[in-house]
């Protein structure tokens, strides 16, 4: 099944663009393929972070000051 691709204009720092073109040539991929892969990895990481936050949403909040005081009380500081 072929996915319908969408076009977008992206502006890169010249040094980053040069590095992308060199990597594309070395890996026999297009710049678009490299960018799609990188964005996909970034979005996957975001999805994993969201899942982790959702799992911890009901954990109690501890104020930083209270955590430090507790560490000091237990002789950890």
Protein backbone atom coordinates (compact mmCIF):
# COMPACT_ATOMS: atom_id res chain seq x y z
CA UNK A 1 0.00 0.00 0.00
CA UNK A 2 1.43 3.37 -0.99
CA UNK A 3 1.02 6.27 1.40
CA UNK A 4 0.03 9.63 -0.07
CA UNK A 5 2.86 12.00 0.78
CA UNK A 6 2.39 15.66 1.67
CA UNK A 7 4.71 18.47 0.76
CA UNK A 8 6.09 20.97 3.28
CA UNK A 9 8.68 23.70 3.05
CA UNK A 10 11.33 23.50 5.75
CA UNK A 11 14.19 25.96 6.17
CA UNK A 12 17.48 24.64 7.55
CA UNK A 13 20.61 26.25 8.81
CA UNK A 14 23.07 25.89 5.88
CA UNK A 15 25.42 23.65 7.87
CA UNK A 16 22.56 21.35 8.89
CA UNK A 17 21.31 21.20 5.30
CA UNK A 18 24.79 20.28 4.06
CA UNK A 19 25.07 17.55 6.70
CA UNK A 20 21.66 16.18 5.70
CA UNK A 21 22.64 16.08 2.03
CA UNK A 22 25.92 14.32 2.87
CA UNK A 23 24.17 11.77 5.09
CA UNK A 24 21.54 11.18 2.42
CA UNK A 25 24.25 10.47 -0.14
CA UNK A 26 26.17 8.17 2.22
CA UNK A 27 23.09 6.19 3.25
CA UNK A 28 21.49 6.10 -0.21
CA UNK A 29 18.38 7.81 1.16
CA UNK A 30 16.70 11.05 0.24
CA UNK A 31 16.76 14.07 2.54
CA UNK A 32 12.98 13.63 2.84
CA UNK A 33 13.40 10.05 4.01
CA UNK A 34 15.92 11.11 6.64
CA UNK A 35 13.67 13.90 7.90
CA UNK A 36 10.57 11.67 7.97
CA UNK A 37 12.48 9.08 9.98
CA UNK A 38 13.83 11.66 12.45
CA UNK A 39 10.42 13.28 12.95
CA UNK A 40 8.85 9.84 13.38
CA UNK A 41 11.37 8.97 16.11
CA UNK A 42 10.68 12.29 17.85
CA UNK A 43 6.90 11.76 17.74
CA UNK A 44 7.29 8.19 19.04
CA UNK A 45 9.35 9.51 21.94
CA UNK A 46 6.63 12.07 22.67
CA UNK A 47 3.99 9.33 22.64
CA UNK A 48 6.03 7.27 25.11
CA UNK A 49 6.44 10.31 27.38
CA UNK A 50 2.68 10.96 27.31
CA UNK A 51 2.00 7.34 28.25
CA UNK A 52 4.47 7.54 31.14
CA UNK A 53 2.90 10.78 32.40
CA UNK A 54 -0.58 9.27 32.19
CA UNK A 55 0.53 6.22 34.22
CA UNK A 56 1.90 8.51 36.94
CA UNK A 57 -0.94 11.05 36.93
CA UNK A 58 -2.42 9.79 40.19
CA UNK A 59 0.82 9.65 42.17
CA UNK A 60 0.96 12.08 45.06
CA UNK A 61 2.84 15.33 44.51
CA UNK A 62 5.70 16.02 46.90
CA UNK A 63 7.00 19.53 47.30
CA UNK A 64 10.73 19.91 46.73
CA UNK A 65 11.20 21.55 50.13
CA UNK A 66 9.52 18.60 51.84
CA UNK A 67 11.64 16.09 49.92
CA UNK A 68 14.86 17.87 50.95
CA UNK A 69 13.72 18.05 54.58
CA UNK A 70 12.92 14.32 54.50
CA UNK A 71 16.36 13.51 53.08
CA UNK A 72 18.00 15.60 55.81
CA UNK A 73 15.84 13.98 58.53
CA UNK A 74 16.88 10.51 57.33
CA UNK A 75 20.56 11.50 57.29
CA UNK A 76 20.89 11.31 53.51
CA UNK A 77 22.05 14.93 53.29
